[in-house]
């Protein structure tokens, strides 16, 4: 069925498609793709099973230079293997310094006191004041 469209400037004809889509062919193509995808997944799964079994039975050769390398540590600086434990240990050392007594210079009589005690002494004694009347 052909119609002339008077709205077109060149007078070309507008036509519609006379045949339908082949639904059977489209469904057959989709079914074939699905079967192929299942087959490929099955083959890849079998391949992974084969390689994992092969790797499990393989015995690694022992090289003479690598015999004692399992326990050798790399040079400093090393990567942290347990950063949470390292942070916990660091904070424990800092808390020990802040909350404990220790000598800084025994010959000069300089000691480290807990931070709470130092704050109490500062409040009781006050901060040092400059002598000589210089004010800023």
N, C-alpha and C. Protein backbone atom coordinates (compact mmCIF):
# COMPACT_ATOMS: atom_id res chain seq x y z
N UNK A 1 0.84 -1.17 0.00
CA UNK A 1 0.00 0.00 0.00
C UNK A 1 0.88 1.23 0.00
N UNK A 2 0.78 2.04 -0.96
CA UNK A 2 1.62 3.20 -1.13
C UNK A 2 0.77 4.45 -1.04
N UNK A 3 1.28 5.41 -0.30
CA UNK A 3 0.57 6.69 -0.16
C UNK A 3 1.53 7.81 -0.46
N UNK A 4 1.05 8.86 -1.05
CA UNK A 4 1.84 10.06 -1.29
C UNK A 4 1.52 11.03 -0.19
N UNK A 5 2.54 11.52 0.45
CA UNK A 5 2.35 12.46 1.55
C UNK A 5 2.45 13.88 1.00
N UNK A 6 1.37 14.64 1.09
CA UNK A 6 1.42 15.99 0.53
C UNK A 6 2.28 16.94 1.35
N UNK A 7 2.65 16.54 2.61
CA UNK A 7 3.44 17.43 3.46
C UNK A 7 4.92 17.44 3.08
N UNK A 8 5.38 16.41 2.40
CA UNK A 8 6.79 16.36 2.03
C UNK A 8 7.04 17.25 0.83
N UNK A 9 8.12 18.02 0.87
CA UNK A 9 8.42 18.98 -0.19
C UNK A 9 8.79 18.30 -1.49
N UNK A 10 9.52 17.16 -1.40
CA UNK A 10 9.96 16.52 -2.63
C UNK A 10 8.93 15.54 -3.17
N UNK A 11 7.82 15.35 -2.45
CA UNK A 11 6.75 14.48 -2.91
C UNK A 11 7.08 13.00 -2.78
N UNK A 12 8.03 12.63 -1.92
CA UNK A 12 8.39 11.23 -1.76
C UNK A 12 7.27 10.48 -1.06
N UNK A 13 7.29 9.18 -1.24
CA UNK A 13 6.22 8.35 -0.71
C UNK A 13 6.61 7.77 0.65
N UNK A 14 5.63 7.66 1.55
CA UNK A 14 5.82 7.05 2.86
C UNK A 14 5.15 5.70 2.82
N UNK A 15 5.91 4.66 3.15
CA UNK A 15 5.36 3.30 3.11
C UNK A 15 5.58 2.61 4.44
N UNK A 16 4.78 1.60 4.75
CA UNK A 16 4.97 0.81 5.97
C UNK A 16 5.49 -0.57 5.61
N UNK A 17 6.05 -1.26 6.60
CA UNK A 17 6.62 -2.59 6.38
C UNK A 17 5.49 -3.58 6.20
N UNK A 18 5.57 -4.35 5.17
CA UNK A 18 4.50 -5.30 4.87
C UNK A 18 4.72 -6.65 5.52
N UNK A 19 5.96 -7.04 5.89
CA UNK A 19 6.23 -8.35 6.49
C UNK A 19 6.50 -8.20 7.98
N UNK A 20 6.21 -9.28 8.72
CA UNK A 20 6.46 -9.29 10.17
C UNK A 20 7.84 -9.86 10.46
N UNK A 21 8.24 -9.71 11.72
CA UNK A 21 9.51 -10.27 12.19
C UNK A 21 9.33 -11.78 12.34
N UNK A 22 10.37 -12.52 12.01
CA UNK A 22 10.33 -13.98 12.17
C UNK A 22 10.60 -14.31 13.64
N UNK A 23 9.54 -14.49 14.43
CA UNK A 23 9.66 -14.74 15.86
C UNK A 23 10.35 -16.06 16.12
N UNK A 24 10.07 -17.06 15.33
CA UNK A 24 10.69 -18.37 15.50
C UNK A 24 12.21 -18.27 15.32
N UNK A 25 12.66 -17.51 14.35
CA UNK A 25 14.10 -17.34 14.13
C UNK A 25 14.78 -16.60 15.27
N UNK A 26 14.12 -15.56 15.81
CA UNK A 26 14.69 -14.81 16.93
C UNK A 26 14.78 -15.69 18.17
N UNK A 27 13.72 -16.46 18.47
CA UNK A 27 13.74 -17.35 19.64
C UNK A 27 14.77 -18.47 19.46
N UNK A 28 14.92 -18.98 18.27
CA UNK A 28 15.92 -20.02 18.03
C UNK A 28 17.34 -19.47 18.24
N UNK A 29 17.57 -18.25 17.77
CA UNK A 29 18.88 -17.63 17.97
C UNK A 29 19.17 -17.42 19.46
N UNK A 30 18.18 -16.90 20.22
CA UNK A 30 18.36 -16.68 21.66
C UNK A 30 18.58 -18.00 22.39
N UNK A 31 17.83 -19.05 21.99
CA UNK A 31 18.03 -20.37 22.61
C UNK A 31 19.41 -20.91 22.33
N UNK A 32 19.87 -20.74 21.10
CA UNK A 32 21.23 -21.19 20.75
C UNK A 32 22.30 -20.46 21.55
N UNK A 33 22.11 -19.14 21.74
CA UNK A 33 23.07 -18.39 22.56
C UNK A 33 23.08 -18.88 24.00
N UNK A 34 21.91 -19.19 24.53
CA UNK A 34 21.82 -19.68 25.92
C UNK A 34 22.52 -21.03 26.06
N UNK A 35 22.26 -21.94 25.13
CA UNK A 35 22.90 -23.27 25.18
C UNK A 35 24.41 -23.13 25.04
N UNK A 36 24.87 -22.25 24.17
CA UNK A 36 26.31 -22.03 24.00
C UNK A 36 26.93 -21.46 25.27
N UNK A 37 26.24 -20.50 25.92
CA UNK A 37 26.77 -19.91 27.16
C UNK A 37 26.88 -20.97 28.26
N UNK A 38 25.87 -21.84 28.39
CA UNK A 38 25.92 -22.90 29.40
C UNK A 38 27.07 -23.85 29.10
N UNK A 39 27.26 -24.20 27.84
CA UNK A 39 28.35 -25.11 27.46
C UNK A 39 29.72 -24.48 27.76
N UNK A 40 29.87 -23.21 27.46
CA UNK A 40 31.15 -22.53 27.74
C UNK A 40 31.42 -22.48 29.24
N UNK A 41 30.41 -22.17 30.04
CA UNK A 41 30.60 -22.14 31.49
C UNK A 41 30.97 -23.52 32.02
N UNK A 42 30.36 -24.56 31.50
CA UNK A 42 30.68 -25.91 31.94
C UNK A 42 32.12 -26.28 31.59
N UNK A 43 32.56 -25.94 30.38
CA UNK A 43 33.94 -26.25 29.97
C UNK A 43 34.95 -25.47 30.83
N UNK A 44 34.67 -24.20 31.12
CA UNK A 44 35.58 -23.41 31.95
C UNK A 44 35.62 -23.97 33.37
N UNK A 45 34.48 -24.42 33.89
CA UNK A 45 34.45 -25.02 35.23
C UNK A 45 35.30 -26.29 35.27
N UNK A 46 35.17 -27.13 34.24
CA UNK A 46 36.00 -28.33 34.17
C UNK A 46 37.48 -27.98 34.07
N UNK A 47 37.81 -26.94 33.34
CA UNK A 47 39.20 -26.51 33.21
C UNK A 47 39.76 -26.05 34.55
N UNK A 48 38.96 -25.30 35.32
CA UNK A 48 39.41 -24.88 36.65
C UNK A 48 39.61 -26.08 37.57
N UNK A 49 38.72 -27.05 37.52
CA UNK A 49 38.90 -28.26 38.34
C UNK A 49 40.19 -28.98 37.96
N UNK A 50 40.45 -29.08 36.68
CA UNK A 50 41.67 -29.75 36.22
C UNK A 50 42.91 -29.02 36.72
N UNK A 51 42.95 -27.69 36.56
CA UNK A 51 44.14 -26.94 36.98
C UNK A 51 44.31 -26.94 38.49
N UNK A 52 43.24 -26.88 39.26
CA UNK A 52 43.39 -26.88 40.72
C UNK A 52 43.89 -28.24 41.20
N UNK A 53 43.41 -29.33 40.59
CA UNK A 53 43.91 -30.65 40.96
C UNK A 53 45.36 -30.83 40.57
N UNK A 54 45.73 -30.29 39.44
CA UNK A 54 47.11 -30.38 38.97
C UNK A 54 48.05 -29.59 39.88
N UNK A 55 47.60 -28.43 40.33
CA UNK A 55 48.43 -27.59 41.21
C UNK A 55 48.57 -28.22 42.59
N UNK A 56 47.52 -28.90 43.06
CA UNK A 56 47.58 -29.52 44.39
C UNK A 56 48.57 -30.67 44.43
N UNK A 57 48.74 -31.38 43.33
CA UNK A 57 49.65 -32.52 43.33
C UNK A 57 51.08 -32.15 42.95
N UNK A 58 51.28 -30.92 42.50
CA UNK A 58 52.62 -30.49 42.08
C UNK A 58 53.50 -30.27 43.30
N UNK A 59 54.71 -30.76 43.24
CA UNK A 59 55.69 -30.58 44.31
C UNK A 59 56.69 -29.54 43.83
N UNK A 60 56.81 -28.48 44.63
CA UNK A 60 57.73 -27.41 44.25
C UNK A 60 59.16 -27.87 44.46
N UNK A 61 60.03 -27.62 43.51
CA UNK A 61 61.44 -28.01 43.68
C UNK A 61 62.12 -27.14 44.74
N UNK A 62 63.02 -27.72 45.48
CA UNK A 62 63.75 -26.99 46.51
C UNK A 62 65.07 -26.53 45.92
N UNK A 63 65.23 -25.24 45.87
CA UNK A 63 66.46 -24.66 45.35
C UNK A 63 67.43 -24.45 46.50
N UNK A 64 68.71 -24.71 46.32
CA UNK A 64 69.66 -24.61 47.42
C UNK A 64 69.79 -23.18 47.97
N UNK A 65 69.69 -22.16 47.12
CA UNK A 65 69.82 -20.80 47.60
C UNK A 65 68.59 -20.35 48.37
N UNK A 66 67.44 -20.96 48.11
CA UNK A 66 66.19 -20.56 48.77
C UNK A 66 65.91 -21.39 50.01
N UNK A 67 66.81 -22.31 50.38
CA UNK A 67 66.54 -23.21 51.50
C UNK A 67 66.39 -22.46 52.82
N UNK A 68 67.21 -21.48 53.09
CA UNK A 68 67.16 -20.78 54.37
C UNK A 68 66.47 -19.44 54.30
N UNK A 69 65.76 -19.16 53.25
CA UNK A 69 65.17 -17.84 53.06
C UNK A 69 63.83 -17.65 53.76
N UNK A 70 63.19 -18.71 54.25
CA UNK A 70 61.86 -18.56 54.86
C UNK A 70 61.91 -17.70 56.12
N UNK A 71 62.96 -17.81 56.91
CA UNK A 71 63.03 -17.09 58.18
C UNK A 71 63.82 -15.79 58.10
N UNK A 72 64.43 -15.50 56.98
CA UNK A 72 65.22 -14.29 56.84
C UNK A 72 64.31 -13.08 56.67
N UNK A 73 64.58 -12.01 57.43
CA UNK A 73 63.78 -10.79 57.35
C UNK A 73 64.39 -9.83 56.34
N UNK A 74 63.56 -9.06 55.66
CA UNK A 74 64.09 -8.06 54.73
C UNK A 74 64.73 -6.91 55.50
N UNK A 75 65.54 -6.08 54.84
CA UNK A 75 66.18 -4.96 55.53
C UNK A 75 65.16 -3.91 55.96
N UNK A 76 65.55 -3.09 56.91
CA UNK A 76 64.69 -2.00 57.39
C UNK A 76 64.53 -0.95 56.31
N UNK A 77 63.50 -0.22 56.21
CA UNK A 77 62.25 -0.30 56.94
C UNK A 77 61.37 -1.40 56.35
N UNK A 78 60.68 -2.12 57.22
CA UNK A 78 59.81 -3.20 56.79
C UNK A 78 58.36 -2.74 56.80
N UNK A 79 57.55 -3.40 56.03
CA UNK A 79 56.12 -3.13 56.04
C UNK A 79 55.52 -3.65 57.34
N UNK A 80 54.47 -3.01 57.78
CA UNK A 80 53.80 -3.48 58.98
C UNK A 80 52.98 -4.71 58.65
N UNK A 81 53.16 -5.76 59.44
CA UNK A 81 52.37 -6.96 59.22
C UNK A 81 51.11 -6.95 60.07
N UNK A 82 51.14 -6.22 61.19
CA UNK A 82 49.99 -6.12 62.06
C UNK A 82 49.87 -4.67 62.55
N UNK A 83 49.32 -3.76 61.74
CA UNK A 83 49.32 -2.34 62.11
C UNK A 83 48.50 -2.04 63.36
N UNK A 84 47.44 -2.79 63.61
CA UNK A 84 46.64 -2.53 64.83
C UNK A 84 47.43 -2.84 66.09
N UNK A 85 48.18 -3.95 66.06
CA UNK A 85 48.99 -4.31 67.22
C UNK A 85 50.13 -3.30 67.39
N UNK A 86 50.72 -2.84 66.30
CA UNK A 86 51.78 -1.84 66.38
C UNK A 86 51.26 -0.53 66.97
N UNK A 87 50.05 -0.12 66.57
CA UNK A 87 49.46 1.10 67.11
C UNK A 87 49.15 0.94 68.60
N UNK A 88 48.65 -0.24 68.98
CA UNK A 88 48.36 -0.50 70.39
C UNK A 88 49.64 -0.42 71.22
N UNK A 89 50.73 -1.00 70.72
CA UNK A 89 52.01 -0.96 71.44
C UNK A 89 52.55 0.47 71.53
N UNK A 90 52.42 1.25 70.45
CA UNK A 90 52.87 2.64 70.47
C UNK A 90 52.10 3.44 71.51
N UNK A 91 50.78 3.28 71.53
CA UNK A 91 49.98 4.03 72.51
C UNK A 91 50.27 3.58 73.94
N UNK A 92 50.57 2.31 74.13
CA UNK A 92 50.94 1.83 75.47
C UNK A 92 52.25 2.47 75.93
N UNK A 93 53.24 2.57 75.02
CA UNK A 93 54.51 3.23 75.37
C UNK A 93 54.29 4.71 75.68
N UNK A 94 53.44 5.38 74.87
CA UNK A 94 53.17 6.79 75.12
C UNK A 94 52.45 6.99 76.45
N UNK A 95 51.49 6.12 76.76
CA UNK A 95 50.79 6.22 78.04
C UNK A 95 51.74 5.98 79.21
N UNK A 96 52.68 5.07 79.03
CA UNK A 96 53.67 4.80 80.07
C UNK A 96 54.53 6.04 80.32
N UNK A 97 54.91 6.72 79.25
CA UNK A 97 55.72 7.93 79.39
C UNK A 97 54.90 9.05 80.04
N UNK A 98 53.64 9.22 79.60
CA UNK A 98 52.81 10.31 80.12
C UNK A 98 52.34 10.08 81.55
N UNK A 99 52.21 8.83 81.96
CA UNK A 99 51.64 8.55 83.28
C UNK A 99 52.63 7.92 84.25
N UNK A 100 53.91 7.94 83.94
CA UNK A 100 54.89 7.31 84.83
C UNK A 100 56.01 8.27 85.20
N UNK A 101 56.78 7.84 86.19
CA UNK A 101 57.95 8.58 86.65
C UNK A 101 59.19 7.97 86.01
N UNK A 102 60.14 8.82 85.60
CA UNK A 102 61.42 8.33 85.09
C UNK A 102 62.44 9.46 85.12
N UNK A 103 63.70 9.07 85.12
CA UNK A 103 64.78 10.05 85.10
C UNK A 103 65.03 10.50 83.67
N UNK A 104 65.19 11.81 83.49
CA UNK A 104 65.61 12.33 82.19
C UNK A 104 67.12 12.56 82.24
N UNK A 105 67.60 13.25 83.30
CA UNK A 105 69.03 13.47 83.52
C UNK A 105 69.27 13.35 85.02
N UNK A 106 69.80 12.21 85.44
CA UNK A 106 69.97 11.93 86.86
C UNK A 106 71.00 12.85 87.50
N UNK A 107 72.06 13.19 86.77
CA UNK A 107 73.10 14.04 87.35
C UNK A 107 72.60 15.48 87.56
N UNK A 108 71.68 15.95 86.70
CA UNK A 108 71.14 17.30 86.84
C UNK A 108 69.89 17.31 87.70
N UNK A 109 69.38 16.13 88.07
CA UNK A 109 68.19 16.06 88.91
C UNK A 109 66.90 16.33 88.14
N UNK A 110 66.88 16.04 86.86
CA UNK A 110 65.67 16.28 86.04
C UNK A 110 64.92 14.96 85.92
N UNK A 111 63.65 14.99 86.32
CA UNK A 111 62.82 13.79 86.27
C UNK A 111 61.58 14.06 85.42
N UNK A 112 60.99 12.99 84.97
CA UNK A 112 59.71 13.08 84.26
C UNK A 112 58.63 12.62 85.23
N UNK A 113 57.59 13.44 85.36
CA UNK A 113 56.49 13.10 86.25
C UNK A 113 55.22 12.91 85.40
N UNK A 114 54.21 12.24 85.96
CA UNK A 114 52.97 12.04 85.19
C UNK A 114 52.34 13.38 84.81
N UNK A 115 51.68 13.41 83.69
CA UNK A 115 51.11 14.64 83.15
C UNK A 115 50.08 15.24 84.08
N UNK A 116 49.29 14.40 84.76
CA UNK A 116 48.29 14.91 85.69
C UNK A 116 48.96 15.65 86.85
N UNK A 117 50.04 15.08 87.37
CA UNK A 117 50.78 15.73 88.46
C UNK A 117 51.40 17.04 87.98
N UNK A 118 51.92 17.05 86.77
CA UNK A 118 52.54 18.27 86.23
C UNK A 118 51.50 19.37 86.08
N UNK A 119 50.29 19.03 85.65
CA UNK A 119 49.24 20.05 85.52
C UNK A 119 48.82 20.58 86.89
N UNK A 120 48.75 19.69 87.89
CA UNK A 120 48.39 20.14 89.24
C UNK A 120 49.46 21.07 89.80
N UNK A 121 50.74 20.73 89.60
CA UNK A 121 51.82 21.58 90.09
C UNK A 121 51.82 22.93 89.37
N UNK A 122 51.50 22.95 88.10
CA UNK A 122 51.45 24.20 87.35
C UNK A 122 50.34 25.10 87.88
N UNK A 123 49.21 24.51 88.21
CA UNK A 123 48.10 25.30 88.76
C UNK A 123 48.47 25.84 90.14
N UNK A 124 49.12 25.03 90.98
CA UNK A 124 49.50 25.47 92.32
C UNK A 124 50.58 26.53 92.29
N UNK A 125 51.64 26.33 91.50
CA UNK A 125 52.78 27.25 91.49
C UNK A 125 52.60 28.40 90.51
N UNK A 126 51.80 28.22 89.48
CA UNK A 126 51.64 29.26 88.47
C UNK A 126 52.73 29.14 87.42
N UNK A 127 52.56 29.88 86.34
CA UNK A 127 53.55 29.89 85.28
C UNK A 127 54.64 30.88 85.60
N UNK A 128 55.87 30.66 85.11
CA UNK A 128 56.95 31.60 85.39
C UNK A 128 56.67 32.96 84.76
N UNK A 129 57.12 34.03 85.47
CA UNK A 129 56.91 35.39 85.01
C UNK A 129 58.27 36.00 84.72
N UNK A 130 58.34 36.85 83.69
CA UNK A 130 59.61 37.51 83.35
C UNK A 130 59.93 38.58 84.40
N UNK A 131 61.17 38.70 84.69
CA UNK A 131 61.64 39.73 85.61
C UNK A 131 62.16 40.91 84.81
N UNK A 132 62.09 42.09 85.33
CA UNK A 132 62.66 43.24 84.68
C UNK A 132 61.61 44.18 84.12
N UNK A 133 60.36 43.90 84.28
CA UNK A 133 59.32 44.82 83.89
C UNK A 133 59.06 44.93 82.40
N UNK A 134 59.59 44.04 81.60
CA UNK A 134 59.31 44.10 80.16
C UNK A 134 57.94 43.47 79.90
N UNK A 135 57.05 44.26 79.37
CA UNK A 135 55.74 43.75 79.06
C UNK A 135 55.49 43.85 77.57
N UNK A 136 54.75 42.96 77.05
CA UNK A 136 54.46 42.98 75.62
C UNK A 136 53.00 43.12 75.40
